[in-house]
Amino acid sequence: MEILSAEGNERFVLLDGEYLPQMAELYRSAFAGEPWNDDWSDTAQLMEYIKEISGAYNALNYGLLNGERLVALSIGMIRHWWEGTNYNIEEFCVTPDRQGEGIGTRFMALIRTDIRKRGIAGIFLQTDSDKPSYGFYHKNGFFDLDTHVSLYKKL
């Protein structure tokens, strides 16, 4: 873990493999309830998912610690594209008992500051338009891509 900044009891850090169990538990708790209702009861499946996305090529995983507790998480990677280099967020969440306190907005601001220092041009992410996260991202300066569409085919 590398500490990027600290203020009071709060530390903004780059997460490493040591934090995988906390990352998985924060992710499970953030998406278990409304409106997501994701069933991550299979801990082995959850751990594989978190290891996969947090260990991707050019991974860039941020955390916000309150004391030793992980209260916010951004799992992503640096992606090079013809328009420039982006930070692609795969998963972003705040622990449910701390949501609504401004932690997500503060955490996103810390991420923006750090990626600017790294010379990264922008942040790309996907979310569901019918979830509260959609409004959160708009509030934090994100906008819809008019021509970008996500596609899926169930097999």
N, C-alpha and C. Protein backbone atom coordinates (compact mmCIF):
# COMPACT_ATOMS: atom_id res chain seq x y z
N MET A 1 0.84 -1.17 0.00
CA MET A 1 0.00 0.00 0.00
C MET A 1 0.89 1.24 0.00
N GLU A 2 0.56 2.15 -0.86
CA GLU A 2 1.26 3.43 -0.92
C GLU A 2 0.29 4.52 -0.50
N ILE A 3 0.69 5.34 0.47
CA ILE A 3 -0.14 6.45 0.94
C ILE A 3 0.08 7.63 0.01
N LEU A 4 -0.99 8.11 -0.62
CA LEU A 4 -0.91 9.25 -1.53
C LEU A 4 -1.16 10.57 -0.81
N SER A 5 -2.05 10.56 0.18
CA SER A 5 -2.29 11.74 1.00
C SER A 5 -2.99 11.30 2.28
N ALA A 6 -2.90 12.16 3.29
CA ALA A 6 -3.52 11.87 4.57
C ALA A 6 -4.03 13.16 5.19
N GLU A 7 -5.17 13.04 5.84
CA GLU A 7 -5.75 14.17 6.56
C GLU A 7 -6.49 13.62 7.77
N GLY A 8 -6.03 13.98 8.95
CA GLY A 8 -6.64 13.44 10.17
C GLY A 8 -6.49 11.93 10.21
N ASN A 9 -7.59 11.25 10.41
CA ASN A 9 -7.61 9.79 10.50
C ASN A 9 -7.82 9.13 9.13
N GLU A 10 -7.91 9.95 8.08
CA GLU A 10 -8.23 9.46 6.74
C GLU A 10 -6.97 9.42 5.87
N ARG A 11 -6.80 8.29 5.16
CA ARG A 11 -5.66 8.15 4.24
C ARG A 11 -6.17 7.72 2.87
N PHE A 12 -5.68 8.40 1.84
CA PHE A 12 -5.97 8.08 0.44
C PHE A 12 -4.78 7.25 -0.04
N VAL A 13 -5.05 6.02 -0.49
CA VAL A 13 -3.97 5.08 -0.76
C VAL A 13 -4.15 4.36 -2.10
N LEU A 14 -3.02 3.82 -2.58
CA LEU A 14 -3.05 2.84 -3.65
C LEU A 14 -3.12 1.47 -2.99
N LEU A 15 -4.09 0.68 -3.38
CA LEU A 15 -4.28 -0.62 -2.75
C LEU A 15 -3.45 -1.69 -3.44
N ASP A 16 -2.96 -2.64 -2.64
CA ASP A 16 -2.23 -3.78 -3.18
C ASP A 16 -2.93 -5.06 -2.72
N GLY A 17 -2.32 -6.20 -3.02
CA GLY A 17 -2.92 -7.50 -2.72
C GLY A 17 -3.22 -7.73 -1.26
N GLU A 18 -2.53 -7.04 -0.37
CA GLU A 18 -2.77 -7.17 1.06
C GLU A 18 -4.21 -6.80 1.42
N TYR A 19 -4.81 -5.95 0.62
CA TYR A 19 -6.16 -5.45 0.90
C TYR A 19 -7.26 -6.24 0.19
N LEU A 20 -6.92 -7.30 -0.51
CA LEU A 20 -7.96 -8.06 -1.24
C LEU A 20 -9.14 -8.48 -0.36
N PRO A 21 -8.92 -9.04 0.84
CA PRO A 21 -10.09 -9.41 1.66
C PRO A 21 -10.97 -8.21 2.02
N GLN A 22 -10.37 -7.08 2.38
CA GLN A 22 -11.17 -5.88 2.70
C GLN A 22 -11.87 -5.34 1.47
N MET A 23 -11.20 -5.40 0.32
CA MET A 23 -11.82 -4.94 -0.92
C MET A 23 -13.06 -5.78 -1.22
N ALA A 24 -12.92 -7.10 -1.09
CA ALA A 24 -14.04 -8.00 -1.37
C ALA A 24 -15.20 -7.76 -0.42
N GLU A 25 -14.92 -7.60 0.87
CA GLU A 25 -15.99 -7.39 1.84
C GLU A 25 -16.68 -6.04 1.65
N LEU A 26 -15.91 -5.00 1.35
CA LEU A 26 -16.53 -3.70 1.08
C LEU A 26 -17.41 -3.79 -0.15
N TYR A 27 -16.89 -4.43 -1.21
CA TYR A 27 -17.67 -4.57 -2.44
C TYR A 27 -18.96 -5.36 -2.18
N ARG A 28 -18.85 -6.48 -1.46
CA ARG A 28 -20.03 -7.31 -1.17
C ARG A 28 -21.07 -6.48 -0.41
N SER A 29 -20.65 -5.77 0.62
CA SER A 29 -21.61 -5.02 1.43
C SER A 29 -22.24 -3.87 0.66
N ALA A 30 -21.46 -3.23 -0.21
CA ALA A 30 -21.97 -2.08 -0.97
C ALA A 30 -23.03 -2.49 -1.98
N PHE A 31 -22.92 -3.69 -2.52
CA PHE A 31 -23.84 -4.09 -3.59
C PHE A 31 -24.85 -5.16 -3.16
N ALA A 32 -24.85 -5.53 -1.88
CA ALA A 32 -25.78 -6.56 -1.40
C ALA A 32 -27.20 -6.04 -1.24
N GLY A 33 -27.33 -4.79 -0.85
CA GLY A 33 -28.66 -4.24 -0.57
C GLY A 33 -29.26 -3.50 -1.74
N GLU A 34 -30.35 -2.81 -1.44
CA GLU A 34 -31.03 -1.99 -2.46
C GLU A 34 -30.11 -0.90 -2.97
N PRO A 35 -30.16 -0.53 -4.20
CA PRO A 35 -31.04 -1.06 -5.24
C PRO A 35 -30.42 -2.21 -6.03
N TRP A 36 -29.18 -2.60 -5.69
CA TRP A 36 -28.45 -3.57 -6.49
C TRP A 36 -28.90 -5.00 -6.23
N ASN A 37 -28.92 -5.40 -4.97
CA ASN A 37 -29.31 -6.76 -4.57
C ASN A 37 -28.45 -7.84 -5.22
N ASP A 38 -27.15 -7.58 -5.34
CA ASP A 38 -26.23 -8.58 -5.90
C ASP A 38 -25.98 -9.68 -4.87
N ASP A 39 -26.04 -10.92 -5.31
CA ASP A 39 -25.83 -12.06 -4.42
C ASP A 39 -24.39 -12.55 -4.56
N TRP A 40 -23.51 -12.03 -3.71
CA TRP A 40 -22.11 -12.46 -3.69
C TRP A 40 -21.89 -13.40 -2.51
N SER A 41 -22.83 -14.32 -2.26
CA SER A 41 -22.69 -15.26 -1.15
C SER A 41 -21.59 -16.29 -1.42
N ASP A 42 -21.24 -16.50 -2.67
CA ASP A 42 -20.14 -17.40 -3.02
C ASP A 42 -18.82 -16.63 -2.87
N THR A 43 -18.21 -16.75 -1.71
CA THR A 43 -17.00 -15.99 -1.39
C THR A 43 -15.86 -16.30 -2.36
N ALA A 44 -15.72 -17.54 -2.77
CA ALA A 44 -14.66 -17.89 -3.72
C ALA A 44 -14.86 -17.15 -5.05
N GLN A 45 -16.10 -17.09 -5.52
CA GLN A 45 -16.41 -16.38 -6.77
C GLN A 45 -16.11 -14.88 -6.61
N LEU A 46 -16.50 -14.32 -5.47
CA LEU A 46 -16.25 -12.91 -5.19
C LEU A 46 -14.75 -12.63 -5.18
N MET A 47 -13.97 -13.45 -4.49
CA MET A 47 -12.52 -13.24 -4.42
C MET A 47 -11.88 -13.32 -5.81
N GLU A 48 -12.32 -14.25 -6.63
CA GLU A 48 -11.78 -14.36 -7.99
C GLU A 48 -12.10 -13.10 -8.79
N TYR A 49 -13.33 -12.59 -8.64
CA TYR A 49 -13.72 -11.38 -9.35
C TYR A 49 -12.85 -10.20 -8.93
N ILE A 50 -12.69 -10.01 -7.64
CA ILE A 50 -11.89 -8.88 -7.14
C ILE A 50 -10.43 -9.05 -7.56
N LYS A 51 -9.89 -10.25 -7.49
CA LYS A 51 -8.50 -10.47 -7.93
C LYS A 51 -8.35 -10.18 -9.42
N GLU A 52 -9.32 -10.64 -10.22
CA GLU A 52 -9.29 -10.42 -11.67
C GLU A 52 -9.23 -8.94 -12.02
N ILE A 53 -10.17 -8.17 -11.49
CA ILE A 53 -10.24 -6.78 -11.91
C ILE A 53 -9.18 -5.91 -11.24
N SER A 54 -8.79 -6.26 -10.01
CA SER A 54 -7.77 -5.44 -9.32
C SER A 54 -6.36 -5.79 -9.78
N GLY A 55 -6.19 -6.94 -10.43
CA GLY A 55 -4.87 -7.36 -10.86
C GLY A 55 -4.67 -7.28 -12.36
N ALA A 56 -5.55 -6.56 -13.04
CA ALA A 56 -5.46 -6.44 -14.50
C ALA A 56 -4.17 -5.71 -14.90
N TYR A 57 -3.79 -5.88 -16.14
CA TYR A 57 -2.65 -5.15 -16.67
C TYR A 57 -2.91 -3.65 -16.51
N ASN A 58 -1.94 -2.92 -16.00
CA ASN A 58 -2.05 -1.48 -15.75
C ASN A 58 -3.10 -1.15 -14.69
N ALA A 59 -3.32 -2.06 -13.74
CA ALA A 59 -4.29 -1.83 -12.67
C ALA A 59 -3.92 -0.58 -11.88
N LEU A 60 -4.95 0.14 -11.46
CA LEU A 60 -4.79 1.32 -10.62
C LEU A 60 -5.96 1.30 -9.63
N ASN A 61 -5.68 0.87 -8.41
CA ASN A 61 -6.72 0.65 -7.40
C ASN A 61 -6.54 1.60 -6.24
N TYR A 62 -7.55 2.42 -6.01
CA TYR A 62 -7.50 3.41 -4.95
C TYR A 62 -8.38 2.99 -3.77
N GLY A 63 -7.99 3.41 -2.59
CA GLY A 63 -8.80 3.19 -1.41
C GLY A 63 -8.79 4.41 -0.52
N LEU A 64 -9.83 4.54 0.27
CA LEU A 64 -9.89 5.57 1.29
C LEU A 64 -10.02 4.83 2.62
N LEU A 65 -9.04 5.03 3.48
CA LEU A 65 -9.02 4.37 4.77
C LEU A 65 -9.40 5.36 5.86
N ASN A 66 -10.23 4.91 6.77
CA ASN A 66 -10.52 5.65 7.99
C ASN A 66 -9.92 4.81 9.10
N GLY A 67 -8.80 5.25 9.63
CA GLY A 67 -8.02 4.38 10.51
C GLY A 67 -7.48 3.25 9.67
N GLU A 68 -7.79 2.03 10.05
CA GLU A 68 -7.37 0.86 9.26
C GLU A 68 -8.51 0.32 8.41
N ARG A 69 -9.70 0.92 8.51
CA ARG A 69 -10.88 0.42 7.80
C ARG A 69 -11.00 1.03 6.42
N LEU A 70 -11.18 0.18 5.42
CA LEU A 70 -11.42 0.61 4.05
C LEU A 70 -12.88 1.06 3.93
N VAL A 71 -13.08 2.36 3.62
CA VAL A 71 -14.44 2.89 3.55
C VAL A 71 -14.86 3.26 2.13
N ALA A 72 -13.90 3.34 1.20
CA ALA A 72 -14.23 3.62 -0.20
C ALA A 72 -13.20 2.92 -1.07
N LEU A 73 -13.65 2.54 -2.26
CA LEU A 73 -12.84 1.70 -3.14
C LEU A 73 -13.09 2.08 -4.59
N SER A 74 -12.01 2.17 -5.36
CA SER A 74 -12.11 2.32 -6.81
C SER A 74 -11.13 1.34 -7.43
N ILE A 75 -11.67 0.38 -8.15
CA ILE A 75 -10.84 -0.62 -8.83
C ILE A 75 -10.87 -0.27 -10.31
N GLY A 76 -9.71 -0.12 -10.90
CA GLY A 76 -9.67 0.25 -12.31
C GLY A 76 -8.32 -0.01 -12.94
N MET A 77 -8.16 0.55 -14.13
CA MET A 77 -6.92 0.37 -14.86
C MET A 77 -6.67 1.55 -15.78
N ILE A 78 -5.42 1.72 -16.10
CA ILE A 78 -5.04 2.75 -17.07
C ILE A 78 -5.21 2.13 -18.45
N ARG A 79 -5.93 2.84 -19.32
CA ARG A 79 -6.17 2.37 -20.69
C ARG A 79 -5.68 3.41 -21.68
N HIS A 80 -4.96 2.95 -22.66
CA HIS A 80 -4.45 3.83 -23.71
C HIS A 80 -5.38 3.76 -24.91
N TRP A 81 -5.79 4.90 -25.38
CA TRP A 81 -6.74 5.01 -26.49
C TRP A 81 -6.24 6.09 -27.42
N TRP A 82 -6.70 6.09 -28.65
CA TRP A 82 -6.20 7.06 -29.62
C TRP A 82 -6.46 8.50 -29.21
N GLU A 83 -7.51 8.72 -28.37
CA GLU A 83 -7.82 10.07 -27.91
C GLU A 83 -7.01 10.47 -26.68
N GLY A 84 -6.32 9.52 -26.09
CA GLY A 84 -5.53 9.79 -24.88
C GLY A 84 -5.64 8.64 -23.90
N THR A 85 -4.98 8.80 -22.79
CA THR A 85 -4.95 7.77 -21.76
C THR A 85 -6.02 8.07 -20.72
N ASN A 86 -6.77 7.04 -20.34
CA ASN A 86 -7.86 7.18 -19.38
C ASN A 86 -7.66 6.27 -18.18
N TYR A 87 -8.31 6.64 -17.11
CA TYR A 87 -8.48 5.74 -15.96
C TYR A 87 -9.87 5.14 -16.12
N ASN A 88 -9.93 3.84 -16.39
CA ASN A 88 -11.21 3.14 -16.54
C ASN A 88 -11.58 2.52 -15.20
N ILE A 89 -12.67 3.00 -14.62
CA ILE A 89 -13.13 2.46 -13.35
C ILE A 89 -14.02 1.25 -13.62
N GLU A 90 -13.62 0.13 -13.05
CA GLU A 90 -14.43 -1.10 -13.15
C GLU A 90 -15.47 -1.13 -12.03
N GLU A 91 -15.04 -0.78 -10.82
CA GLU A 91 -15.94 -0.78 -9.66
C GLU A 91 -15.59 0.39 -8.76
N PHE A 92 -16.61 1.04 -8.23
CA PHE A 92 -16.45 2.18 -7.34
C PHE A 92 -17.53 2.06 -6.28
N CYS A 93 -17.16 2.13 -5.00
CA CYS A 93 -18.18 2.03 -3.97
C CYS A 93 -17.70 2.64 -2.65
N VAL A 94 -18.68 2.95 -1.82
CA VAL A 94 -18.47 3.46 -0.47
C VAL A 94 -19.24 2.52 0.46
N THR A 95 -18.65 2.23 1.61
CA THR A 95 -19.32 1.34 2.56
C THR A 95 -20.71 1.90 2.89
N PRO A 96 -21.74 1.04 2.92
CA PRO A 96 -23.11 1.50 3.11
C PRO A 96 -23.33 2.37 4.34
N ASP A 97 -22.65 2.08 5.45
CA ASP A 97 -22.88 2.85 6.67
C ASP A 97 -22.25 4.24 6.63
N ARG A 98 -21.53 4.57 5.55
CA ARG A 98 -20.92 5.90 5.42
C ARG A 98 -21.44 6.65 4.19
N GLN A 99 -22.36 6.04 3.45
CA GLN A 99 -22.91 6.70 2.27
C GLN A 99 -23.74 7.90 2.70
N GLY A 100 -23.74 8.93 1.86
CA GLY A 100 -24.50 10.13 2.15
C GLY A 100 -23.74 11.15 2.98
N GLU A 101 -22.48 10.86 3.29
CA GLU A 101 -21.66 11.78 4.09
C GLU A 101 -20.69 12.60 3.24
N GLY A 102 -20.73 12.42 1.92
CA GLY A 102 -19.81 13.15 1.05
C GLY A 102 -18.50 12.43 0.80
N ILE A 103 -18.36 11.23 1.34
CA ILE A 103 -17.12 10.48 1.17
C ILE A 103 -16.87 10.16 -0.30
N GLY A 104 -17.89 9.74 -1.03
CA GLY A 104 -17.72 9.39 -2.44
C GLY A 104 -17.24 10.56 -3.27
N THR A 105 -17.81 11.73 -3.03
CA THR A 105 -17.42 12.94 -3.76
C THR A 105 -15.98 13.33 -3.42
N ARG A 106 -15.64 13.28 -2.12
CA ARG A 106 -14.26 13.59 -1.70
C ARG A 106 -13.27 12.59 -2.29
N PHE A 107 -13.63 11.32 -2.27
CA PHE A 107 -12.80 10.25 -2.81
C PHE A 107 -12.58 10.46 -4.31
N MET A 108 -13.65 10.77 -5.04
CA MET A 108 -13.53 11.00 -6.48
C MET A 108 -12.63 12.20 -6.76
N ALA A 109 -12.71 13.24 -5.95
CA ALA A 109 -11.83 14.42 -6.13
C ALA A 109 -10.37 14.04 -5.92
N LEU A 110 -10.10 13.20 -4.92
CA LEU A 110 -8.72 12.73 -4.68
C LEU A 110 -8.22 11.92 -5.88
N ILE A 111 -9.08 11.08 -6.43
CA ILE A 111 -8.71 10.29 -7.61
C ILE A 111 -8.40 11.21 -8.78
N ARG A 112 -9.27 12.18 -9.03
CA ARG A 112 -9.03 13.13 -10.14
C ARG A 112 -7.69 13.84 -9.99
N THR A 113 -7.38 14.28 -8.78
CA THR A 113 -6.10 14.95 -8.52
C THR A 113 -4.93 14.03 -8.83
N ASP A 114 -5.02 12.79 -8.38
CA ASP A 114 -3.91 11.86 -8.61
C ASP A 114 -3.75 11.51 -10.08
N ILE A 115 -4.85 11.27 -10.78
CA ILE A 115 -4.69 10.88 -12.19
C ILE A 115 -4.17 12.04 -13.04
N ARG A 116 -4.52 13.28 -12.66
CA ARG A 116 -3.95 14.45 -13.35
C ARG A 116 -2.43 14.46 -13.20
N LYS A 117 -1.96 14.18 -11.98
CA LYS A 117 -0.51 14.13 -11.72
C LYS A 117 0.16 13.06 -12.59
N ARG A 118 -0.58 12.01 -12.90
CA ARG A 118 -0.05 10.92 -13.71
C ARG A 118 -0.16 11.21 -15.21
N GLY A 119 -0.73 12.35 -15.58
CA GLY A 119 -0.87 12.72 -16.97
C GLY A 119 -2.00 12.01 -17.69
N ILE A 120 -2.96 11.52 -16.94
CA ILE A 120 -4.10 10.80 -17.51
C ILE A 120 -5.17 11.82 -17.91
N ALA A 121 -5.74 11.63 -19.09
CA ALA A 121 -6.64 12.62 -19.69
C ALA A 121 -8.06 12.61 -19.15
N GLY A 122 -8.55 11.45 -18.70
CA GLY A 122 -9.94 11.39 -18.27
C GLY A 122 -10.26 10.11 -17.53
N ILE A 123 -11.51 10.03 -17.09
CA ILE A 123 -12.02 8.85 -16.39
C ILE A 123 -13.20 8.31 -17.18
N PHE A 124 -13.20 7.01 -17.40
CA PHE A 124 -14.30 6.34 -18.09
C PHE A 124 -14.89 5.31 -17.13
N LEU A 125 -16.21 5.23 -17.10
CA LEU A 125 -16.88 4.21 -16.29
C LEU A 125 -18.25 3.94 -16.87
N GLN A 126 -18.85 2.86 -16.40
CA GLN A 126 -20.21 2.53 -16.80
C GLN A 126 -21.03 2.29 -15.54
N THR A 127 -22.29 2.67 -15.58
CA THR A 127 -23.21 2.41 -14.49
C THR A 127 -24.62 2.27 -15.07
N ASP A 128 -25.54 1.86 -14.24
CA ASP A 128 -26.93 1.72 -14.67
C ASP A 128 -27.64 3.06 -14.51
N SER A 129 -28.41 3.44 -15.52
CA SER A 129 -29.09 4.74 -15.49
C SER A 129 -30.25 4.78 -14.50
N ASP A 130 -30.69 3.63 -14.01
CA ASP A 130 -31.82 3.60 -13.07
C ASP A 130 -31.37 3.44 -11.61
N LYS A 131 -30.09 3.66 -11.35
CA LYS A 131 -29.55 3.51 -9.99
C LYS A 131 -29.08 4.87 -9.47
N PRO A 132 -29.02 5.03 -8.13
CA PRO A 132 -28.56 6.30 -7.56
C PRO A 132 -27.14 6.69 -8.00
N SER A 133 -26.32 5.73 -8.34
CA SER A 133 -24.95 6.03 -8.78
C SER A 133 -24.95 6.91 -10.02
N TYR A 134 -25.96 6.76 -10.86
CA TYR A 134 -26.06 7.57 -12.09
C TYR A 134 -26.08 9.06 -11.74
N GLY A 135 -26.92 9.43 -10.77
CA GLY A 135 -26.99 10.82 -10.32
C GLY A 135 -25.71 11.26 -9.64
N PHE A 136 -25.09 10.35 -8.86
CA PHE A 136 -23.83 10.66 -8.19
C PHE A 136 -22.76 11.03 -9.20
N TYR A 137 -22.63 10.25 -10.26
CA TYR A 137 -21.60 10.53 -11.26
C TYR A 137 -21.89 11.84 -12.00
N HIS A 138 -23.14 12.10 -12.33
CA HIS A 138 -23.49 13.38 -12.96
C HIS A 138 -23.14 14.55 -12.04
N LYS A 139 -23.46 14.41 -10.76
CA LYS A 139 -23.15 15.45 -9.78
C LYS A 139 -21.64 15.72 -9.73
N ASN A 140 -20.85 14.70 -10.02
CA ASN A 140 -19.40 14.81 -9.96
C ASN A 140 -18.76 15.09 -11.32
N GLY A 141 -19.55 15.61 -12.26
CA GLY A 141 -19.01 16.11 -13.52
C GLY A 141 -18.95 15.13 -14.67
N PHE A 142 -19.47 13.93 -14.50
CA PHE A 142 -19.48 12.96 -15.60
C PHE A 142 -20.68 13.24 -16.50
N PHE A 143 -20.60 12.84 -17.74
CA PHE A 143 -21.71 13.04 -18.66
C PHE A 143 -21.89 11.79 -19.51
N ASP A 144 -23.09 11.64 -20.05
CA ASP A 144 -23.40 10.50 -20.91
C ASP A 144 -22.67 10.64 -22.24
N LEU A 145 -22.18 9.52 -22.75
CA LEU A 145 -21.61 9.49 -24.09
C LEU A 145 -22.74 9.17 -25.05
N ASP A 146 -23.04 10.10 -25.93
CA ASP A 146 -24.21 9.96 -26.81
C ASP A 146 -24.16 8.73 -27.70
N THR A 147 -23.01 8.36 -28.17
CA THR A 147 -22.96 7.27 -29.14
C THR A 147 -22.45 5.96 -28.54
N HIS A 148 -22.10 5.95 -27.26
CA HIS A 148 -21.58 4.73 -26.63
C HIS A 148 -22.74 3.89 -26.11
N VAL A 149 -22.75 2.63 -26.46
CA VAL A 149 -23.78 1.72 -26.02
C VAL A 149 -23.11 0.45 -25.51
N SER A 150 -23.56 -0.06 -24.37
CA SER A 150 -23.07 -1.33 -23.86
C SER A 150 -24.01 -2.41 -24.37
N LEU A 151 -23.43 -3.50 -24.83
CA LEU A 151 -24.21 -4.62 -25.36
C LEU A 151 -23.91 -5.89 -24.57
N TYR A 152 -24.88 -6.79 -24.53
CA TYR A 152 -24.72 -8.05 -23.80
C TYR A 152 -25.58 -9.10 -24.48
N LYS A 153 -25.09 -10.33 -24.51
CA LYS A 153 -25.88 -11.45 -25.02
C LYS A 153 -25.75 -12.59 -24.03
N LYS A 154 -26.87 -13.03 -23.49
CA LYS A 154 -26.86 -14.15 -22.54
C LYS A 154 -26.80 -15.45 -23.33
N LEU A 155 -25.95 -16.34 -22.91
CA LEU A 155 -25.79 -17.63 -23.59
C LEU A 155 -26.34 -18.77 -22.75
